[in-house]
Amino acid sequence: MVATVSTVAYLGLEARGVEVQCQLVPGLPNFIVVGLPDKAVAESRERVRNAIAAIGLSLPPKRITVNLSPADLPKEGSHYDLPIALALLGAMGVIDAETLSGYVVVGELGLDGRTAPSPGVLLAALHAGEQDMGLVCPVAQGAEAAWAGQVEVVAAPDLLSLLNHFKGTSALSPPQPGAVDAPVRTADLKQVKGQETAKRAIEIAAAGGHNLLMVGPPGAGKSLMASCLPGILPELTPGEALETSMVASVAGTLEGGRISRARPFRTPHHSASMAALVGGGLRVRPGEVSMAHLGVLFLDELPEFQRAVLDSLRQPLETGEVTVARANAHVTFPARVKCVTHVN
């Protein structure tokens, strides 16, 4: 018997469906995960083995094979722990495999069976809604997943409570969406005395969506006026707030499921690398230009940035998105920002 559980793989702000297939066959006891897993997914074997032992069960003395389909799509991250564990329990007959067919499952497991948060739950919830499925996720991210709308969210604190929920012995209460944080005004143009020409330029840039370059001697107030720009921009609409929250969810910075209506304001240091500014890394993550999506990207001391780093910003500022090309995948992040810079 092959037990299957649905989960997702993250490519930028896109969640692609992945099917976790588990089969037990006679042979030498072994636990194998195939389907192009990375190191974190390969290590899930030990986390799943110990989490199942923590609820009083032991793995059968058989050859356990877990396949992550499609096999040619790279699988990265620790959110495959929970779907692998549920697929294995389904193959063992502990839980009805048909019950799991209507859910997308994401979440990391601890050695004691507790669930732990993993980046990208909001994207998984939106994907589940598009497929008319429910979502199983860690309890710490239930409020984040609840923002997806009319999606059944099962937020479990541990593996045992999740099994009891599906067996009907004890039901888990549905989570409520997280709070919407009101914008915090940290700087305002009324704090600037004089500089009427510069303040007028900032107002025009805010109204027209223009980029801005400020030139002046040190101490003239350029950094202060740049920090005032988000304060005169309108609040994010609900759709825009969800869009910026999706970027934060992929980056793992959306805490407690709280969504903010404030415009992002990012100030990377002039020593930032190209990957830090436009995105990249071994596991592709959004850079500063994407974290400032629909907000302000402030480049302090523009001449101090490396030339190659500044050149890499040309395409994101022109198209409003940044594409990170890798040998096995192309990942696209949104990057519609107002770029504010200054030089002395």
Protein backbone atom coordinates (compact mmCIF):
# COMPACT_ATOMS: atom_id res chain seq x y z
CA MET A 1 0.00 0.00 0.00
CA VAL A 2 1.25 3.48 -0.90
CA ALA A 3 0.13 6.33 1.36
CA THR A 4 0.21 9.83 -0.14
CA VAL A 5 0.17 13.27 1.48
CA SER A 6 0.15 16.63 -0.32
CA THR A 7 2.66 19.37 0.49
CA VAL A 8 4.39 22.21 -1.39
CA ALA A 9 7.78 23.36 -2.62
CA TYR A 10 8.55 27.08 -2.62
CA LEU A 11 9.94 28.79 -5.72
CA GLY A 12 9.96 32.52 -5.03
CA LEU A 13 6.38 33.52 -4.20
CA GLU A 14 5.04 30.42 -5.94
CA ALA A 15 4.05 27.28 -4.06
CA ARG A 16 4.20 24.18 -6.26
CA GLY A 17 2.38 21.03 -5.31
CA VAL A 18 4.46 18.09 -4.11
CA GLU A 19 3.15 14.61 -3.36
CA VAL A 20 4.78 12.66 -0.53
CA GLN A 21 4.48 8.94 -1.24
CA CYS A 22 5.40 6.33 1.36
CA GLN A 23 5.54 2.56 0.92
CA LEU A 24 6.53 -0.29 3.22
CA VAL A 25 7.94 -3.40 1.55
CA PRO A 26 9.58 -6.54 2.99
CA GLY A 27 13.34 -6.45 3.17
CA LEU A 28 16.20 -5.26 5.33
CA PRO A 29 15.00 -2.47 7.66
CA ASN A 30 15.88 0.86 6.06
CA PHE A 31 14.47 4.39 5.75
CA ILE A 32 15.13 6.12 2.41
CA VAL A 33 13.98 9.53 1.15
CA VAL A 34 14.24 10.07 -2.61
CA GLY A 35 13.08 12.84 -4.95
CA LEU A 36 15.98 15.32 -5.02
CA PRO A 37 15.97 16.26 -1.30
CA ASP A 38 18.48 18.67 0.17
CA LYS A 39 20.36 18.10 3.43
CA ALA A 40 17.51 19.37 5.64
CA VAL A 41 15.01 17.04 3.97
CA ALA A 42 17.39 14.06 4.15
CA GLU A 43 17.86 14.68 7.89
CA SER A 44 14.08 14.56 8.37
CA ARG A 45 14.39 10.77 8.62
CA GLU A 46 15.86 11.05 12.12
CA ARG A 47 13.41 13.75 13.23
CA VAL A 48 10.46 11.70 11.99
CA ARG A 49 11.82 8.48 13.55
CA ASN A 50 12.21 10.10 16.97
CA ALA A 51 8.91 12.02 16.78
CA ILE A 52 7.03 8.79 16.09
CA ALA A 53 8.89 7.10 18.95
CA ALA A 54 7.88 9.98 21.24
CA ILE A 55 4.17 9.14 20.79
CA GLY A 56 4.79 5.49 21.72
CA LEU A 57 5.09 3.94 18.26
CA SER A 58 8.01 2.26 16.55
CA LEU A 59 8.83 1.89 12.89
CA PRO A 60 8.06 -1.52 11.38
CA PRO A 61 11.08 -3.74 10.53
CA LYS A 62 10.62 -3.18 6.81
CA ARG A 63 12.13 -1.19 3.98
CA ILE A 64 10.56 2.29 4.16
CA THR A 65 10.74 4.34 0.96
CA VAL A 66 9.53 7.95 0.81
CA ASN A 67 9.30 9.56 -2.62
CA LEU A 68 8.84 13.31 -3.11
CA SER A 69 7.10 13.74 -6.46
CA PRO A 70 7.82 15.32 -8.92
CA ALA A 71 11.27 13.84 -8.53
CA ASP A 72 13.05 16.42 -10.71
CA LEU A 73 11.97 19.40 -8.56
CA PRO A 74 14.50 20.32 -5.84
CA LYS A 75 13.07 19.94 -2.31
CA GLU A 76 14.47 22.35 0.27
CA GLY A 77 13.58 23.13 3.86
CA SER A 78 12.40 21.46 7.02
CA HIS A 79 8.65 21.81 6.29
CA TYR A 80 8.64 18.29 4.79
CA ASP A 81 8.95 16.67 8.27
CA LEU A 82 5.23 16.64 9.08
CA PRO A 83 3.99 15.38 5.68
CA ILE A 84 6.62 12.62 5.70
CA ALA A 85 5.54 11.58 9.21
CA LEU A 86 1.84 11.53 8.30
CA ALA A 87 2.51 9.59 5.09
CA LEU A 88 4.51 7.04 7.10
CA LEU A 89 1.76 6.74 9.71
CA GLY A 90 -0.75 6.28 6.90
CA ALA A 91 1.33 3.48 5.40
CA MET A 92 1.55 1.87 8.85
CA GLY A 93 -2.25 1.99 9.19
CA VAL A 94 -2.19 4.29 12.23
CA ILE A 95 -4.20 6.96 10.42
CA ASP A 96 -6.62 6.68 7.52
CA ALA A 97 -4.78 7.75 4.39
CA GLU A 98 -8.03 8.92 2.79
CA THR A 99 -8.48 11.46 5.60
CA LEU A 100 -5.24 13.16 4.62
CA SER A 101 -6.12 13.44 0.93
CA GLY A 102 -7.98 16.72 1.46
CA TYR A 103 -5.12 18.58 3.16
CA VAL A 104 -1.86 20.26 2.27
CA VAL A 105 0.61 19.57 5.09
CA VAL A 106 3.64 21.66 6.08
CA GLY A 107 5.65 21.85 9.29
CA GLU A 108 8.85 20.89 11.07
CA LEU A 109 8.97 18.25 13.78
CA GLY A 110 11.02 18.15 16.95
CA LEU A 111 12.43 14.99 18.46
CA ASP A 112 9.65 15.02 21.08
CA GLY A 113 6.90 15.24 18.46
CA ARG A 114 6.20 18.95 18.80
CA THR A 115 5.69 21.03 15.67
CA ALA A 116 7.95 23.96 14.87
CA PRO A 117 7.40 26.89 12.48
CA SER A 118 8.90 26.95 8.98
CA PRO A 119 8.94 29.76 6.40
CA GLY A 120 6.27 30.07 3.71
CA VAL A 121 3.09 28.90 5.48
CA LEU A 122 1.03 31.77 4.04
CA LEU A 123 1.97 30.69 0.51
CA ALA A 124 1.03 27.10 1.33
CA ALA A 125 -2.35 28.26 2.67
CA LEU A 126 -3.08 30.25 -0.51
CA HIS A 127 -2.08 27.22 -2.60
CA ALA A 128 -4.41 25.02 -0.55
CA GLY A 129 -7.25 27.48 -1.13
CA GLU A 130 -6.68 27.36 -4.90
CA GLN A 131 -6.87 23.56 -4.79
CA ASP A 132 -10.00 23.56 -2.55
CA MET A 133 -8.06 21.75 0.16
CA GLY A 134 -7.40 22.34 3.84
CA LEU A 135 -4.05 23.07 5.47
CA VAL A 136 -2.23 21.35 8.32
CA CYS A 137 0.48 23.50 9.89
CA PRO A 138 2.23 24.16 13.24
CA VAL A 139 0.13 25.91 15.87
CA ALA A 140 2.60 28.81 15.98
CA GLN A 141 1.69 29.67 12.37
CA GLY A 142 -2.04 29.08 12.50
CA ALA A 143 -2.77 32.81 12.70
CA GLU A 144 -0.62 33.40 9.62
CA ALA A 145 -2.35 30.64 7.63
CA ALA A 146 -5.80 31.94 8.62
CA TRP A 147 -5.21 35.05 6.48
CA ALA A 148 -5.70 32.88 3.36
CA GLY A 149 -9.48 33.23 3.68
CA GLN A 150 -11.95 30.36 3.35
CA VAL A 151 -9.39 27.63 3.99
CA GLU A 152 -9.77 25.00 6.69
CA VAL A 153 -6.68 25.35 8.86
CA VAL A 154 -5.66 22.62 11.31
CA ALA A 155 -2.96 24.09 13.56
CA ALA A 156 -1.45 21.31 15.67
CA PRO A 157 0.90 21.79 18.63
CA ASP A 158 2.30 18.26 18.31
CA LEU A 159 1.98 15.05 16.35
CA LEU A 160 -0.14 13.26 18.96
CA SER A 161 -2.83 15.96 19.08
CA LEU A 162 -2.95 15.95 15.28
CA LEU A 163 -3.58 12.19 15.24
CA ASN A 164 -6.32 12.57 17.86
CA HIS A 165 -7.91 15.31 15.77
CA PHE A 166 -8.10 13.14 12.64
CA LYS A 167 -9.35 10.16 14.64
CA GLY A 168 -12.10 12.31 16.18
CA THR A 169 -11.11 11.81 19.82
CA SER A 170 -10.27 15.50 20.37
CA ALA A 171 -10.80 18.34 17.93
CA LEU A 172 -8.38 21.20 17.45
CA SER A 173 -9.98 24.65 17.42
CA PRO A 174 -9.52 26.65 14.20
CA PRO A 175 -7.05 29.53 14.53
CA GLN A 176 -8.03 33.17 14.09
CA PRO A 177 -6.17 35.54 11.75
CA GLY A 178 -3.34 37.48 13.34
CA ALA A 179 -3.59 41.12 14.27
CA VAL A 180 -3.25 43.93 11.75
CA ASP A 181 -0.57 46.29 13.03
CA ALA A 182 -1.30 49.97 12.52
CA PRO A 183 1.51 51.98 10.88
CA VAL A 184 3.96 53.44 13.38
CA ARG A 185 5.04 56.96 12.48
CA THR A 186 8.68 57.16 13.49
CA ALA A 187 9.65 60.23 11.47
CA ASP A 188 7.68 63.11 10.03
CA LEU A 189 8.48 66.06 7.79
CA LYS A 190 7.39 68.44 10.53
CA GLN A 191 10.58 67.48 12.35
CA VAL A 192 12.59 69.08 9.54
CA LYS A 193 13.12 72.83 9.91
CA GLY A 194 13.79 74.62 6.66
CA GLN A 195 14.89 72.63 3.59
CA GLU A 196 11.69 73.61 1.79
CA THR A 197 13.06 72.63 -1.62
CA ALA A 198 14.06 69.17 -0.40
CA LYS A 199 10.71 68.63 1.33
CA ARG A 200 8.89 69.65 -1.83
CA ALA A 201 10.98 67.15 -3.82
CA ILE A 202 10.07 64.37 -1.36
CA GLU A 203 6.37 65.20 -1.65
CA ILE A 204 6.57 65.09 -5.45
CA ALA A 205 8.46 61.77 -5.34
CA ALA A 206 5.83 60.31 -2.99
CA ALA A 207 2.90 61.54 -5.11
CA GLY A 208 4.34 60.44 -8.45
CA GLY A 209 6.13 57.26 -7.39
CA HIS A 210 9.52 58.62 -8.47
CA ASN A 211 12.98 57.60 -7.35
CA LEU A 212 15.00 60.27 -5.55
CA LEU A 213 18.66 61.30 -5.37
CA MET A 214 19.65 63.82 -2.69
CA VAL A 215 22.96 65.70 -2.82
CA GLY A 216 24.26 67.78 0.06
CA PRO A 217 26.93 68.17 2.74
CA PRO A 218 27.04 65.88 5.80
CA GLY A 219 24.57 66.90 8.51
CA ALA A 220 22.13 68.59 6.13
CA GLY A 221 19.34 66.14 7.09
CA LYS A 222 19.29 63.89 4.04
CA SER A 223 18.89 60.65 6.01
CA LEU A 224 16.19 62.19 8.21
CA MET A 225 14.16 63.34 5.22
CA ALA A 226 14.52 59.94 3.55
CA SER A 227 13.14 58.26 6.68
CA CYS A 228 10.16 60.64 6.53
CA LEU A 229 9.09 59.38 3.09
CA PRO A 230 7.14 56.29 4.29
CA GLY A 231 5.18 58.54 6.66
CA ILE A 232 3.63 60.55 3.82
CA LEU A 233 2.85 57.53 1.66
CA PRO A 234 -0.67 56.06 1.90
CA GLU A 235 -1.19 52.93 3.95
CA LEU A 236 -1.04 49.58 2.20
CA THR A 237 -4.34 48.33 0.87
CA PRO A 238 -5.46 44.88 2.13
CA GLY A 239 -4.24 43.31 -1.13
CA GLU A 240 -0.87 45.08 -0.93
CA ALA A 241 -0.47 44.13 2.74
CA LEU A 242 -1.06 40.48 1.85
CA GLU A 243 1.50 40.76 -0.96
CA THR A 244 4.22 42.18 1.30
CA SER A 245 3.34 39.58 3.93
CA MET A 246 3.92 36.81 1.39
CA VAL A 247 7.48 38.10 0.89
CA ALA A 248 7.97 38.25 4.67
CA SER A 249 6.55 34.73 5.03
CA VAL A 250 9.06 33.31 2.54
CA ALA A 251 11.86 35.16 4.35
CA GLY A 252 10.64 33.79 7.70
CA THR A 253 10.12 37.25 9.25
CA LEU A 254 6.31 37.19 9.61
CA GLU A 255 6.02 36.75 13.38
CA GLY A 256 2.79 35.68 15.03
CA GLY A 257 0.82 36.03 11.80
CA ARG A 258 0.72 39.82 12.23
CA ILE A 259 0.19 41.78 9.03
CA SER A 260 1.26 45.42 8.88
CA ARG A 261 -0.35 48.18 6.82
CA ALA A 262 2.86 50.25 6.99
CA ARG A 263 5.06 50.71 3.94
CA PRO A 264 8.35 48.80 4.25
CA PHE A 265 11.49 50.90 4.74
CA ARG A 266 14.79 49.09 4.22
CA THR A 267 18.27 50.60 4.66
CA PRO A 268 20.94 48.06 3.67
CA HIS A 269 24.54 48.76 4.68
CA HIS A 270 26.88 49.85 1.92
CA SER A 271 28.93 46.66 2.37
CA ALA A 272 25.93 44.47 1.40
CA SER A 273 26.64 41.86 -1.25
CA MET A 274 24.72 41.38 -4.48
CA ALA A 275 22.87 38.36 -3.04
CA ALA A 276 21.88 40.36 0.05
CA LEU A 277 20.50 43.21 -2.03
CA VAL A 278 18.69 41.46 -4.90
CA GLY A 279 18.28 37.95 -3.43
CA GLY A 280 20.05 34.65 -3.83
CA GLY A 281 22.11 32.31 -1.72
CA LEU A 282 22.32 28.52 -1.66
CA ARG A 283 18.63 28.42 -0.73
CA VAL A 284 17.25 31.39 -2.64
CA ARG A 285 15.81 34.02 -0.34
CA PRO A 286 14.44 37.49 -1.13
CA GLY A 287 16.93 40.35 -0.92
CA GLU A 288 16.55 43.86 0.43
CA VAL A 289 14.96 45.15 -2.77
CA SER A 290 12.19 42.54 -2.44
CA MET A 291 11.80 43.06 1.31
CA ALA A 292 11.14 46.74 0.47
CA HIS A 293 8.42 45.77 -2.04
CA LEU A 294 5.73 48.50 -2.23
CA GLY A 295 7.85 50.61 0.11
CA VAL A 296 11.12 52.53 0.20
CA LEU A 297 14.65 51.25 -0.41
CA PHE A 298 17.13 53.77 1.03
CA LEU A 299 20.75 53.48 -0.13
CA ASP A 300 22.79 55.58 2.28
CA GLU A 301 26.16 56.79 0.94
CA LEU A 302 25.56 55.62 -2.61
CA PRO A 303 29.20 55.86 -3.83
CA GLU A 304 30.29 53.41 -1.11
CA PHE A 305 28.29 50.55 -2.63
CA GLN A 306 30.14 48.18 -4.95
CA ARG A 307 29.67 48.93 -8.63
CA ALA A 308 28.46 45.41 -9.43
CA VAL A 309 25.87 45.64 -6.66
CA LEU A 310 24.48 48.92 -8.03
CA ASP A 311 24.43 47.51 -11.56
CA SER A 312 22.36 44.56 -10.33
CA LEU A 313 19.60 46.99 -9.25
CA ARG A 314 19.00 48.27 -12.78
CA GLN A 315 16.72 45.45 -13.91
CA PRO A 316 14.61 45.27 -10.69
CA LEU A 317 14.01 49.04 -10.74
CA GLU A 318 13.00 48.94 -14.41
CA THR A 319 10.71 45.88 -14.35
CA GLY A 320 9.49 45.83 -10.74
CA GLU A 321 10.67 42.27 -10.17
CA VAL A 322 13.93 40.41 -9.70
CA THR A 323 14.70 36.99 -11.17
CA VAL A 324 17.39 34.85 -9.55
CA ALA A 325 18.67 32.27 -12.05
CA ARG A 326 20.10 28.99 -10.82
CA ALA A 327 21.08 25.83 -12.66
CA ASN A 328 18.03 23.95 -11.36
CA ALA A 329 15.44 26.74 -11.06
CA HIS A 330 14.55 30.35 -11.84
CA VAL A 331 13.02 32.20 -8.89
CA THR A 332 11.16 35.52 -9.25
CA PHE A 333 10.41 37.97 -6.44
CA PRO A 334 8.47 41.25 -6.67
CA ALA A 335 10.49 44.46 -6.32
CA ARG A 336 8.31 47.51 -6.91
CA VAL A 337 10.11 50.04 -4.73
CA LYS A 338 10.83 53.73 -4.49
CA CYS A 339 14.62 53.99 -4.43
CA VAL A 340 16.00 56.90 -2.41
CA THR A 341 19.74 57.57 -2.38
CA HIS A 342 22.03 60.34 -1.23
CA VAL A 343 25.60 61.43 -1.80
CA ASN A 344 27.74 64.01 -0.07
